[in-house]
Every structure is written in structure tokens, then in C-alpha cells.
Amino acid sequence: MSEFRHKDDRENKEKDIVFSKAIKAGKRIYYIDVKQSRNEDYYVAITESKKRVSGMDNGQVVSFEKHKIFLYKEDFMKFITGLEEVIGFVNEKNKGRAVSAADFSEDANDN
């Protein structure tokens, strides 16, 4: 009986998604989902999913490690401001390192 309830819970969570964007980045995939709450407010759920393989040969087990954050509309601007500041800091620290357009192509990130 609980199997059915868990399946229904997953289906309900997927129904809450009104827009979704998947970003492949090597062994990780980032899902940026727009969801609607019960009171009809929209918020963003960001999920990092990383593929994990354990075992050897025929005994390999594949699993996915997931981390999720929820971002609510009242925090959008603070989050964007903080993210821009952090990215600016990283770019400044990487200033002396050569970066090519290939570093930013989707193919380069599909390891």
C-alpha cells in the first residue's frame, strides 16, 4: 500500500512544476524548476543531481546524490546580488588564467 502512496507523492510533486530547465555539467545535472505553492505563489527549486557508481563490472550499482535548495520570490534579488558578487570574486581570482570559449561550450562540459 505504501508503494502506491510514494508513487502518488512523486506524481504530485511533478505536477507542481510549471517550468523546468535542465543544465548538464559533466557528471552533474542541475535542474531549475519553477513550482507553484498551495497559495498559488511561484518559487524556484534548484536541484544538483550527481551520478554515483559503486561496485565493479556486473555488480555495479548506479545511484544519484541530490541536493536541493528552494528560492522564494522575496529573496530573488538578494540571491542574484550575492551570486553576482561571488562570481565576480571568482572571475577576479582567475584573472591571470587563460580561458577560451571552449571552456564554456556544452560539449566541453559533457565529460
PDB file of N, CA and C in Angstrom:
ATOM      1  N   MET A   1       0.823  -1.198   0.000  1.00  0.00           N
ATOM      2  CA  MET A   1       0.000   0.000   0.000  1.00  0.00           C
ATOM      3  C   MET A   1       0.865   1.259   0.000  1.00  0.00           C
ATOM      4  N   SER A   2       1.952   1.241   0.778  1.00  0.00           N
ATOM      5  CA  SER A   2       2.797   2.429   0.843  1.00  0.00           C
ATOM      6  C   SER A   2       3.486   2.705  -0.486  1.00  0.00           C
ATOM      7  N   GLU A   3       3.726   1.660  -1.295  1.00  0.00           N
ATOM      8  CA  GLU A   3       4.322   1.868  -2.621  1.00  0.00           C
ATOM      9  C   GLU A   3       3.477   2.821  -3.449  1.00  0.00           C
ATOM     10  N   PHE A   4       2.182   2.621  -3.414  1.00  0.00           N
ATOM     11  CA  PHE A   4       1.287   3.458  -4.199  1.00  0.00           C
ATOM     12  C   PHE A   4       1.291   4.894  -3.680  1.00  0.00           C
ATOM     13  N   ARG A   5       1.339   5.047  -2.374  1.00  0.00           N
ATOM     14  CA  ARG A   5       1.343   6.385  -1.802  1.00  0.00           C
ATOM     15  C   ARG A   5       2.603   7.141  -2.217  1.00  0.00           C
ATOM     16  N   HIS A   6       3.755   6.465  -2.177  1.00  0.00           N
ATOM     17  CA  HIS A   6       5.001   7.117  -2.579  1.00  0.00           C
ATOM     18  C   HIS A   6       4.950   7.523  -4.044  1.00  0.00           C
ATOM     19  N   LYS A   7       4.405   6.659  -4.883  1.00  0.00           N
ATOM     20  CA  LYS A   7       4.290   6.982  -6.303  1.00  0.00           C
ATOM     21  C   LYS A   7       3.381   8.194  -6.487  1.00  0.00           C
ATOM     22  N   ASP A   8       2.264   8.221  -5.777  1.00  0.00           N
ATOM     23  CA  ASP A   8       1.346   9.359  -5.869  1.00  0.00           C
ATOM     24  C   ASP A   8       2.023  10.640  -5.405  1.00  0.00           C
ATOM     25  N   ASP A   9       2.823  10.555  -4.335  1.00  0.00           N
ATOM     26  CA  ASP A   9       3.546  11.729  -3.842  1.00  0.00           C
ATOM     27  C   ASP A   9       4.478  12.271  -4.910  1.00  0.00           C
ATOM     28  N   ARG A  10       5.210  11.371  -5.604  1.00  0.00           N
ATOM     29  CA  ARG A  10       6.130  11.803  -6.664  1.00  0.00           C
ATOM     30  C   ARG A  10       5.364  12.449  -7.813  1.00  0.00           C
ATOM     31  N   GLU A  11       4.247  11.847  -8.196  1.00  0.00           N
ATOM     32  CA  GLU A  11       3.453  12.411  -9.290  1.00  0.00           C
ATOM     33  C   GLU A  11       2.934  13.791  -8.916  1.00  0.00           C
ATOM     34  N   ASN A  12       2.495  13.973  -7.673  1.00  0.00           N
ATOM     35  CA  ASN A  12       2.009  15.281  -7.229  1.00  0.00           C
ATOM     36  C   ASN A  12       3.120  16.314  -7.248  1.00  0.00           C
ATOM     37  N   LYS A  13       4.337  15.926  -6.850  1.00  0.00           N
ATOM     38  CA  LYS A  13       5.463  16.861  -6.869  1.00  0.00           C
ATOM     39  C   LYS A  13       5.779  17.280  -8.297  1.00  0.00           C
ATOM     40  N   GLU A  14       5.725  16.332  -9.232  1.00  0.00           N
ATOM     41  CA  GLU A  14       5.996  16.661 -10.630  1.00  0.00           C
ATOM     42  C   GLU A  14       4.908  17.561 -11.200  1.00  0.00           C
ATOM     43  N   LYS A  15       3.679  17.391 -10.761  1.00  0.00           N
ATOM     44  CA  LYS A  15       2.578  18.227 -11.240  1.00  0.00           C
ATOM     45  C   LYS A  15       2.749  19.676 -10.792  1.00  0.00           C
ATOM     46  N   ASP A  16       3.415  19.873  -9.653  1.00  0.00           N
ATOM     47  CA  ASP A  16       3.636  21.218  -9.127  1.00  0.00           C
ATOM     48  C   ASP A  16       4.607  22.016  -9.988  1.00  0.00           C
ATOM     49  N   ILE A  17       5.406  21.344 -10.825  1.00  0.00           N
ATOM     50  CA  ILE A  17       6.397  22.021 -11.657  1.00  0.00           C
ATOM     51  C   ILE A  17       5.687  22.665 -12.843  1.00  0.00           C
ATOM     52  N   VAL A  18       5.832  23.996 -12.974  1.00  0.00           N
ATOM     53  CA  VAL A  18       5.184  24.707 -14.074  1.00  0.00           C
ATOM     54  C   VAL A  18       6.177  25.090 -15.171  1.00  0.00           C
ATOM     55  N   PHE A  19       7.477  25.052 -14.852  1.00  0.00           N
ATOM     56  CA  PHE A  19       8.527  25.329 -15.836  1.00  0.00           C
ATOM     57  C   PHE A  19       9.796  24.670 -15.324  1.00  0.00           C
ATOM     58  N   SER A  20      10.598  24.125 -16.237  1.00  0.00           N
ATOM     59  CA  SER A  20      11.811  23.447 -15.806  1.00  0.00           C
ATOM     60  C   SER A  20      12.927  23.635 -16.820  1.00  0.00           C
ATOM     61  N   LYS A  21      14.152  23.742 -16.320  1.00  0.00           N
ATOM     62  CA  LYS A  21      15.341  23.857 -17.161  1.00  0.00           C
ATOM     63  C   LYS A  21      16.389  22.916 -16.585  1.00  0.00           C
ATOM     64  N   ALA A  22      16.923  22.016 -17.428  1.00  0.00           N
ATOM     65  CA  ALA A  22      17.992  21.108 -17.013  1.00  0.00           C
ATOM     66  C   ALA A  22      19.301  21.598 -17.611  1.00  0.00           C
ATOM     67  N   ILE A  23      20.341  21.633 -16.788  1.00  0.00           N
ATOM     68  CA  ILE A  23      21.655  22.088 -17.231  1.00  0.00           C
ATOM     69  C   ILE A  23      22.647  20.961 -16.973  1.00  0.00           C
ATOM     70  N   LYS A  24      23.153  20.355 -18.043  1.00  0.00           N
ATOM     71  CA  LYS A  24      24.135  19.279 -17.916  1.00  0.00           C
ATOM     72  C   LYS A  24      25.512  19.888 -17.730  1.00  0.00           C
ATOM     73  N   ALA A  25      26.235  19.399 -16.729  1.00  0.00           N
ATOM     74  CA  ALA A  25      27.564  19.923 -16.418  1.00  0.00           C
ATOM     75  C   ALA A  25      28.451  18.766 -15.971  1.00  0.00           C
ATOM     76  N   GLY A  26      29.019  18.051 -16.936  1.00  0.00           N
ATOM     77  CA  GLY A  26      29.867  16.914 -16.605  1.00  0.00           C
ATOM     78  C   GLY A  26      29.057  15.811 -15.965  1.00  0.00           C
ATOM     79  N   LYS A  27      29.479  15.378 -14.769  1.00  0.00           N
ATOM     80  CA  LYS A  27      28.779  14.305 -14.060  1.00  0.00           C
ATOM     81  C   LYS A  27      27.568  14.818 -13.294  1.00  0.00           C
ATOM     82  N   ARG A  28      27.355  16.104 -13.351  1.00  0.00           N
ATOM     83  CA  ARG A  28      26.231  16.698 -12.632  1.00  0.00           C
ATOM     84  C   ARG A  28      25.173  17.192 -13.608  1.00  0.00           C
ATOM     85  N   ILE A  29      23.953  17.218 -13.121  1.00  0.00           N
ATOM     86  CA  ILE A  29      22.861  17.880 -13.832  1.00  0.00           C
ATOM     87  C   ILE A  29      22.196  18.797 -12.817  1.00  0.00           C
ATOM     88  N   TYR A  30      21.998  20.037 -13.221  1.00  0.00           N
ATOM     89  CA  TYR A  30      21.289  20.990 -12.378  1.00  0.00           C
ATOM     90  C   TYR A  30      19.893  21.161 -12.951  1.00  0.00           C
ATOM     91  N   TYR A  31      18.893  20.999 -12.100  1.00  0.00           N
ATOM     92  CA  TYR A  31      17.510  21.213 -12.500  1.00  0.00           C
ATOM     93  C   TYR A  31      17.034  22.495 -11.828  1.00  0.00           C
ATOM     94  N   ILE A  32      16.544  23.412 -12.633  1.00  0.00           N
ATOM     95  CA  ILE A  32      15.975  24.642 -12.094  1.00  0.00           C
ATOM     96  C   ILE A  32      14.486  24.593 -12.419  1.00  0.00           C
ATOM     97  N   ASP A  33      13.685  24.383 -11.387  1.00  0.00           N
ATOM     98  CA  ASP A  33      12.246  24.203 -11.559  1.00  0.00           C
ATOM     99  C   ASP A  33      11.479  25.366 -10.954  1.00  0.00           C
ATOM    100  N   VAL A  34      10.474  25.817 -11.668  1.00  0.00           N
ATOM    101  CA  VAL A  34       9.528  26.786 -11.112  1.00  0.00           C
ATOM    102  C   VAL A  34       8.336  25.975 -10.634  1.00  0.00           C
ATOM    103  N   LYS A  35       7.993  26.170  -9.379  1.00  0.00           N
ATOM    104  CA  LYS A  35       6.871  25.440  -8.799  1.00  0.00           C
ATOM    105  C   LYS A  35       5.843  26.428  -8.277  1.00  0.00           C
ATOM    106  N   GLN A  36       4.633  25.921  -8.092  1.00  0.00           N
ATOM    107  CA  GLN A  36       3.561  26.749  -7.553  1.00  0.00           C
ATOM    108  C   GLN A  36       3.146  26.170  -6.206  1.00  0.00           C
ATOM    109  N   SER A  37       3.104  27.030  -5.211  1.00  0.00           N
ATOM    110  CA  SER A  37       2.717  26.595  -3.871  1.00  0.00           C
ATOM    111  C   SER A  37       1.195  26.478  -3.775  1.00  0.00           C
ATOM    112  N   ARG A  38       0.741  25.964  -2.651  1.00  0.00           N
ATOM    113  CA  ARG A  38      -0.705  25.815  -2.446  1.00  0.00           C
ATOM    114  C   ARG A  38      -1.435  27.149  -2.483  1.00  0.00           C
ATOM    115  N   ASN A  39      -0.756  28.208  -2.035  1.00  0.00           N
ATOM    116  CA  ASN A  39      -1.399  29.529  -2.054  1.00  0.00           C
ATOM    117  C   ASN A  39      -1.132  30.271  -3.362  1.00  0.00           C
ATOM    118  N   GLU A  40      -0.703  29.520  -4.383  1.00  0.00           N
ATOM    119  CA  GLU A  40      -0.529  29.991  -5.761  1.00  0.00           C
ATOM    120  C   GLU A  40       0.628  30.967  -5.951  1.00  0.00           C
ATOM    121  N   ASP A  41       1.577  30.989  -5.023  1.00  0.00           N
ATOM    122  CA  ASP A  41       2.814  31.743  -5.225  1.00  0.00           C
ATOM    123  C   ASP A  41       3.792  30.860  -5.982  1.00  0.00           C
ATOM    124  N   TYR A  42       4.644  31.477  -6.769  1.00  0.00           N
ATOM    125  CA  TYR A  42       5.663  30.737  -7.502  1.00  0.00           C
ATOM    126  C   TYR A  42       6.997  30.854  -6.778  1.00  0.00           C
ATOM    127  N   TYR A  43       7.770  29.779  -6.824  1.00  0.00           N
ATOM    128  CA  TYR A  43       9.109  29.772  -6.238  1.00  0.00           C
ATOM    129  C   TYR A  43      10.004  28.886  -7.097  1.00  0.00           C
ATOM    130  N   VAL A  44      11.307  28.937  -6.834  1.00  0.00           N
ATOM    131  CA  VAL A  44      12.283  28.192  -7.622  1.00  0.00           C
ATOM    132  C   VAL A  44      12.893  27.096  -6.755  1.00  0.00           C
ATOM    133  N   ALA A  45      12.987  25.906  -7.318  1.00  0.00           N
ATOM    134  CA  ALA A  45      13.686  24.797  -6.671  1.00  0.00           C
ATOM    135  C   ALA A  45      14.894  24.464  -7.542  1.00  0.00           C
ATOM    136  N   ILE A  46      16.082  24.521  -6.953  1.00  0.00           N
ATOM    137  CA  ILE A  46      17.311  24.202  -7.678  1.00  0.00           C
ATOM    138  C   ILE A  46      17.838  22.886  -7.115  1.00  0.00           C
ATOM    139  N   THR A  47      18.010  21.899  -8.002  1.00  0.00           N
ATOM    140  CA  THR A  47      18.484  20.582  -7.588  1.00  0.00           C
ATOM    141  C   THR A  47      19.771  20.249  -8.310  1.00  0.00           C
ATOM    142  N   GLU A  48      20.780  19.845  -7.554  1.00  0.00           N
ATOM    143  CA  GLU A  48      22.009  19.311  -8.135  1.00  0.00           C
ATOM    144  C   GLU A  48      21.896  17.798  -8.025  1.00  0.00           C
ATOM    145  N   SER A  49      22.018  17.107  -9.148  1.00  0.00           N
ATOM    146  CA  SER A  49      21.960  15.653  -9.169  1.00  0.00           C
ATOM    147  C   SER A  49      23.289  15.134  -9.699  1.00  0.00           C
ATOM    148  N   LYS A  50      23.957  14.302  -8.903  1.00  0.00           N
ATOM    149  CA  LYS A  50      25.265  13.783  -9.294  1.00  0.00           C
ATOM    150  C   LYS A  50      25.200  12.263  -9.339  1.00  0.00           C
ATOM    151  N   LYS A  51      25.607  11.707 -10.466  1.00  0.00           N
ATOM    152  CA  LYS A  51      25.584  10.262 -10.663  1.00  0.00           C
ATOM    153  C   LYS A  51      26.709   9.617  -9.863  1.00  0.00           C
ATOM    154  N   ARG A  52      26.377   8.572  -9.126  1.00  0.00           N
ATOM    155  CA  ARG A  52      27.348   7.804  -8.342  1.00  0.00           C
ATOM    156  C   ARG A  52      27.296   6.350  -8.804  1.00  0.00           C
ATOM    157  N   VAL A  53      28.448   5.780  -9.099  1.00  0.00           N
ATOM    158  CA  VAL A  53      28.532   4.374  -9.487  1.00  0.00           C
ATOM    159  C   VAL A  53      29.407   3.673  -8.460  1.00  0.00           C
ATOM    160  N   SER A  54      28.875   2.601  -7.876  1.00  0.00           N
ATOM    161  CA  SER A  54      29.659   1.830  -6.919  1.00  0.00           C
ATOM    162  C   SER A  54      29.684   0.371  -7.358  1.00  0.00           C
ATOM    163  N   GLY A  55      30.671  -0.356  -6.910  1.00  0.00           N
ATOM    164  CA  GLY A  55      30.826  -1.749  -7.307  1.00  0.00           C
ATOM    165  C   GLY A  55      31.635  -1.855  -8.584  1.00  0.00           C
ATOM    166  N   MET A  56      31.821  -3.096  -9.023  1.00  0.00           N
ATOM    167  CA  MET A  56      32.639  -3.331 -10.211  1.00  0.00           C
ATOM    168  C   MET A  56      31.906  -4.236 -11.190  1.00  0.00           C
ATOM    169  N   ASP A  57      32.192  -4.046 -12.464  1.00  0.00           N
ATOM    170  CA  ASP A  57      31.676  -4.863 -13.571  1.00  0.00           C
ATOM    171  C   ASP A  57      30.179  -5.110 -13.461  1.00  0.00           C
ATOM    172  N   ASN A  58      29.768  -6.390 -13.382  1.00  0.00           N
ATOM    173  CA  ASN A  58      28.339  -6.730 -13.374  1.00  0.00           C
ATOM    174  C   ASN A  58      27.644  -6.355 -12.071  1.00  0.00           C
ATOM    175  N   GLY A  59      28.425  -6.081 -11.031  1.00  0.00           N
ATOM    176  CA  GLY A  59      27.843  -5.728  -9.743  1.00  0.00           C
ATOM    177  C   GLY A  59      27.722  -4.236  -9.519  1.00  0.00           C
ATOM    178  N   GLN A  60      27.808  -3.458 -10.597  1.00  0.00           N
ATOM    179  CA  GLN A  60      27.734  -2.005 -10.447  1.00  0.00           C
ATOM    180  C   GLN A  60      26.335  -1.554 -10.049  1.00  0.00           C
ATOM    181  N   VAL A  61      26.312  -0.617  -9.141  1.00  0.00           N
ATOM    182  CA  VAL A  61      25.054  -0.024  -8.706  1.00  0.00           C
ATOM    183  C   VAL A  61      25.127   1.469  -8.995  1.00  0.00           C
ATOM    184  N   VAL A  62      24.138   1.962  -9.721  1.00  0.00           N
ATOM    185  CA  VAL A  62      24.085   3.381 -10.058  1.00  0.00           C
ATOM    186  C   VAL A  62      23.068   4.053  -9.140  1.00  0.00           C
ATOM    187  N   SER A  63      23.481   5.152  -8.539  1.00  0.00           N
ATOM    188  CA  SER A  63      22.569   5.935  -7.711  1.00  0.00           C
ATOM    189  C   SER A  63      22.811   7.412  -8.005  1.00  0.00           C
ATOM    190  N   PHE A  64      21.928   8.239  -7.505  1.00  0.00           N
ATOM    191  CA  PHE A  64      22.049   9.675  -7.720  1.00  0.00           C
ATOM    192  C   PHE A  64      22.008  10.383  -6.376  1.00  0.00           C
ATOM    193  N   GLU A  65      23.021  11.202  -6.152  1.00  0.00           N
ATOM    194  CA  GLU A  65      23.085  12.026  -4.950  1.00  0.00           C
ATOM    195  C   GLU A  65      22.453  13.368  -5.308  1.00  0.00           C
ATOM    196  N   LYS A  66      21.479  13.786  -4.517  1.00  0.00           N
ATOM    197  CA  LYS A  66      20.771  15.030  -4.841  1.00  0.00           C
ATOM    198  C   LYS A  66      20.833  16.016  -3.684  1.00  0.00           C
ATOM    199  N   HIS A  67      21.015  17.274  -4.057  1.00  0.00           N
ATOM    200  CA  HIS A  67      20.964  18.376  -3.102  1.00  0.00           C
ATOM    201  C   HIS A  67      19.999  19.410  -3.662  1.00  0.00           C
ATOM    202  N   LYS A  68      19.186  19.966  -2.791  1.00  0.00           N
ATOM    203  CA  LYS A  68      18.137  20.866  -3.272  1.00  0.00           C
ATOM    204  C   LYS A  68      18.068  22.115  -2.406  1.00  0.00           C
ATOM    205  N   ILE A  69      17.825  23.251  -3.069  1.00  0.00           N
ATOM    206  CA  ILE A  69      17.517  24.483  -2.338  1.00  0.00           C
ATOM    207  C   ILE A  69      16.235  25.073  -2.921  1.00  0.00           C
ATOM    208  N   PHE A  70      15.518  25.779  -2.086  1.00  0.00           N
ATOM    209  CA  PHE A  70      14.303  26.455  -2.518  1.00  0.00           C
ATOM    210  C   PHE A  70      14.547  27.953  -2.422  1.00  0.00           C
ATOM    211  N   LEU A  71      14.150  28.663  -3.448  1.00  0.00           N
ATOM    212  CA  LEU A  71      14.357  30.106  -3.506  1.00  0.00           C
ATOM    213  C   LEU A  71      12.993  30.777  -3.691  1.00  0.00           C
ATOM    214  N   TYR A  72      12.630  31.597  -2.723  1.00  0.00           N
ATOM    215  CA  TYR A  72      11.315  32.231  -2.739  1.00  0.00           C
ATOM    216  C   TYR A  72      11.402  33.652  -3.278  1.00  0.00           C
ATOM    217  N   LYS A  73      10.300  34.121  -3.848  1.00  0.00           N
ATOM    218  CA  LYS A  73      10.286  35.383  -4.598  1.00  0.00           C
ATOM    219  C   LYS A  73      10.836  36.562  -3.804  1.00  0.00           C
ATOM    220  N   GLU A  74      10.595  36.585  -2.493  1.00  0.00           N
ATOM    221  CA  GLU A  74      11.081  37.712  -1.697  1.00  0.00           C
ATOM    222  C   GLU A  74      12.604  37.716  -1.559  1.00  0.00           C
ATOM    223  N   ASP A  75      13.240  36.606  -1.924  1.00  0.00           N
ATOM    224  CA  ASP A  75      14.699  36.504  -1.826  1.00  0.00           C
ATOM    225  C   ASP A  75      15.409  36.546  -3.177  1.00  0.00           C
ATOM    226  N   PHE A  76      14.670  36.638  -4.285  1.00  0.00           N
ATOM    227  CA  PHE A  76      15.283  36.588  -5.623  1.00  0.00           C
ATOM    228  C   PHE A  76      16.392  37.625  -5.789  1.00  0.00           C
ATOM    229  N   MET A  77      16.118  38.869  -5.483  1.00  0.00           N
ATOM    230  CA  MET A  77      17.099  39.935  -5.721  1.00  0.00           C
ATOM    231  C   MET A  77      18.328  39.778  -4.824  1.00  0.00           C
ATOM    232  N   LYS A  78      18.113  39.407  -3.567  1.00  0.00           N
ATOM    233  CA  LYS A  78      19.250  39.181  -2.666  1.00  0.00           C
ATOM    234  C   LYS A  78      20.116  38.031  -3.179  1.00  0.00           C
ATOM    235  N   PHE A  79      19.475  36.986  -3.665  1.00  0.00           N
ATOM    236  CA  PHE A  79      20.201  35.828  -4.189  1.00  0.00           C
ATOM    237  C   PHE A  79      21.005  36.208  -5.430  1.00  0.00           C
ATOM    238  N   ILE A  80      20.369  36.928  -6.352  1.00  0.00           N
ATOM    239  CA  ILE A  80      21.052  37.356  -7.581  1.00  0.00           C
ATOM    240  C   ILE A  80      22.237  38.256  -7.245  1.00  0.00           C
ATOM    241  N   THR A  81      22.030  39.207  -6.333  1.00  0.00           N
ATOM    242  CA  THR A  81      23.109  40.111  -5.930  1.00  0.00           C
ATOM    243  C   THR A  81      24.274  39.323  -5.326  1.00  0.00           C
ATOM    244  N   GLY A  82      23.977  38.399  -4.444  1.00  0.00           N
ATOM    245  CA  GLY A  82      25.018  37.580  -3.824  1.00  0.00           C
ATOM    246  C   GLY A  82      25.735  36.700  -4.830  1.00  0.00           C
ATOM    247  N   LEU A  83      24.986  36.103  -5.744  1.00  0.00           N
ATOM    248  CA  LEU A  83      25.582  35.242  -6.768  1.00  0.00           C
ATOM    249  C   LEU A  83      26.495  36.041  -7.689  1.00  0.00           C
ATOM    250  N   GLU A  84      26.047  37.226  -8.105  1.00  0.00           N
ATOM    251  CA  GLU A  84      26.889  38.081  -8.952  1.00  0.00           C
ATOM    252  C   GLU A  84      28.175  38.473  -8.233  1.00  0.00           C
ATOM    253  N   GLU A  85      28.072  38.768  -6.933  1.00  0.00           N
ATOM    254  CA  GLU A  85      29.258  39.137  -6.154  1.00  0.00           C
ATOM    255  C   GLU A  85      30.247  37.966  -6.080  1.00  0.00           C
ATOM    256  N   VAL A  86      29.739  36.787  -5.825  1.00  0.00           N
ATOM    257  CA  VAL A  86      30.595  35.602  -5.726  1.00  0.00           C
ATOM    258  C   VAL A  86      31.238  35.279  -7.071  1.00  0.00           C
ATOM    259  N   ILE A  87      30.467  35.349  -8.148  1.00  0.00           N
ATOM    260  CA  ILE A  87      31.012  35.081  -9.486  1.00  0.00           C
ATOM    261  C   ILE A  87      32.066  36.126  -9.839  1.00  0.00           C
ATOM    262  N   GLY A  88      31.818  37.385  -9.492  1.00  0.00           N
ATOM    263  CA  GLY A  88      32.809  38.437  -9.725  1.00  0.00           C
ATOM    264  C   GLY A  88      34.107  38.158  -8.983  1.00  0.00           C
ATOM    265  N   PHE A  89      34.000  37.699  -7.745  1.00  0.00           N
ATOM    266  CA  PHE A  89      35.176  37.352  -6.951  1.00  0.00           C
ATOM    267  C   PHE A  89      35.961  36.224  -7.619  1.00  0.00           C
ATOM    268  N   VAL A  90      35.262  35.169  -8.044  1.00  0.00           N
ATOM    269  CA  VAL A  90      35.921  34.032  -8.709  1.00  0.00           C
ATOM    270  C   VAL A  90      36.595  34.491  -9.994  1.00  0.00           C
ATOM    271  N   ASN A  91      35.899  35.298 -10.784  1.00  0.00           N
ATOM    272  CA  ASN A  91      36.485  35.804 -12.034  1.00  0.00           C
ATOM    273  C   ASN A  91      37.734  36.641 -11.768  1.00  0.00           C
ATOM    274  N   GLU A  92      37.692  37.447 -10.721  1.00  0.00           N
ATOM    275  CA  GLU A  92      38.854  38.272 -10.369  1.00  0.00           C
ATOM    276  C   GLU A  92      40.037  37.390  -9.965  1.00  0.00           C
ATOM    277  N   LYS A  93      39.781  36.369  -9.185  1.00  0.00           N
ATOM    278  CA  LYS A  93      40.846  35.464  -8.746  1.00  0.00           C
ATOM    279  C   LYS A  93      41.410  34.653  -9.913  1.00  0.00           C
ATOM    280  N   ASN A  94      40.593  34.390 -10.927  1.00  0.00           N
ATOM    281  CA  ASN A  94      41.024  33.619 -12.096  1.00  0.00           C
ATOM    282  C   ASN A  94      41.558  34.506 -13.211  1.00  0.00           C
ATOM    283  N   LYS A  95      41.706  35.788 -12.948  1.00  0.00           N
ATOM    284  CA  LYS A  95      42.061  36.774 -13.971  1.00  0.00           C
ATOM    285  C   LYS A  95      43.284  36.390 -14.790  1.00  0.00           C
ATOM    286  N   GLY A  96      44.329  35.879 -14.168  1.00  0.00           N
ATOM    287  CA  GLY A  96      45.566  35.567 -14.871  1.00  0.00           C
ATOM    288  C   GLY A  96      45.540  34.255 -15.631  1.00  0.00           C
ATOM    289  N   ARG A  97      44.484  33.505 -15.519  1.00  0.00           N
ATOM    290  CA  ARG A  97      44.407  32.199 -16.177  1.00  0.00           C
ATOM    291  C   ARG A  97      43.699  32.322 -17.509  1.00  0.00           C
ATOM    292  N   ALA A  98      44.245  31.642 -18.497  1.00  0.00           N
ATOM    293  CA  ALA A  98      43.655  31.682 -19.840  1.00  0.00           C
ATOM    294  C   ALA A  98      42.348  30.897 -19.852  1.00  0.00           C
ATOM    295  N   VAL A  99      41.317  31.516 -20.390  1.00  0.00           N
ATOM    296  CA  VAL A  99      40.017  30.879 -20.545  1.00  0.00           C
ATOM    297  C   VAL A  99      39.607  31.046 -21.993  1.00  0.00           C
ATOM    298  N   SER A 100      39.189  29.940 -22.621  1.00  0.00           N
ATOM    299  CA  SER A 100      38.762  30.025 -24.015  1.00  0.00           C
ATOM    300  C   SER A 100      37.262  29.794 -24.105  1.00  0.00           C
ATOM    301  N   ALA A 101      36.705  30.071 -25.268  1.00  0.00           N
ATOM    302  CA  ALA A 101      35.271  29.855 -25.492  1.00  0.00           C
ATOM    303  C   ALA A 101      34.919  28.385 -25.311  1.00  0.00           C
ATOM    304  N   ALA A 102      35.859  27.489 -25.594  1.00  0.00           N
ATOM    305  CA  ALA A 102      35.613  26.052 -25.440  1.00  0.00           C
ATOM    306  C   ALA A 102      35.311  25.690 -23.986  1.00  0.00           C
ATOM    307  N   ASP A 103      35.856  26.467 -23.055  1.00  0.00           N
ATOM    308  CA  ASP A 103      35.595  26.209 -21.641  1.00  0.00           C
ATOM    309  C   ASP A 103      34.122  26.406 -21.289  1.00  0.00           C
ATOM    310  N   PHE A 104      33.421  27.148 -22.106  1.00  0.00           N
ATOM    311  CA  PHE A 104      32.026  27.456 -21.822  1.00  0.00           C
ATOM    312  C   PHE A 104      31.041  26.732 -22.730  1.00  0.00           C
ATOM    313  N   SER A 105      31.541  25.915 -23.645  1.00  0.00           N
ATOM    314  CA  SER A 105      30.633  25.204 -24.548  1.00  0.00           C
ATOM    315  C   SER A 105      30.026  24.016 -23.826  1.00  0.00           C
ATOM    316  N   GLU A 106      28.830  23.606 -24.250  1.00  0.00           N
ATOM    317  CA  GLU A 106      28.158  22.467 -23.635  1.00  0.00           C
ATOM    318  C   GLU A 106      28.950  21.188 -23.841  1.00  0.00           C
ATOM    319  N   ASP A 107      29.586  21.031 -25.022  1.00  0.00           N
ATOM    320  CA  ASP A 107      30.348  19.826 -25.311  1.00  0.00           C
ATOM    321  C   ASP A 107      31.528  19.671 -24.368  1.00  0.00           C
ATOM    322  N   ALA A 108      32.161  20.753 -23.996  1.00  0.00           N
ATOM    323  CA  ALA A 108      33.318  20.697 -23.105  1.00  0.00           C
ATOM    324  C   ALA A 108      32.918  20.231 -21.713  1.00  0.00           C
ATOM    325  N   ASN A 109      31.667  20.478 -21.333  1.00  0.00           N
ATOM    326  CA  ASN A 109      31.202  20.106 -20.002  1.00  0.00           C
ATOM    327  C   ASN A 109      30.595  18.718 -19.940  1.00  0.00           C
ATOM    328  N   ASP A 110      30.419  18.045 -21.038  1.00  0.00           N
ATOM    329  CA  ASP A 110      29.795  16.723 -21.069  1.00  0.00           C
ATOM    330  C   ASP A 110      30.829  15.623 -20.918  1.00  0.00           C
ATOM    331  N   ASN A 111      31.541  15.601 -19.815  1.00  0.00           N
ATOM    332  CA  ASN A 111      32.570  14.586 -19.555  1.00  0.00           C
ATOM    333  C   ASN A 111      31.952  13.300 -19.093  1.00  0.00           C
TER     334      ASN A 111
END
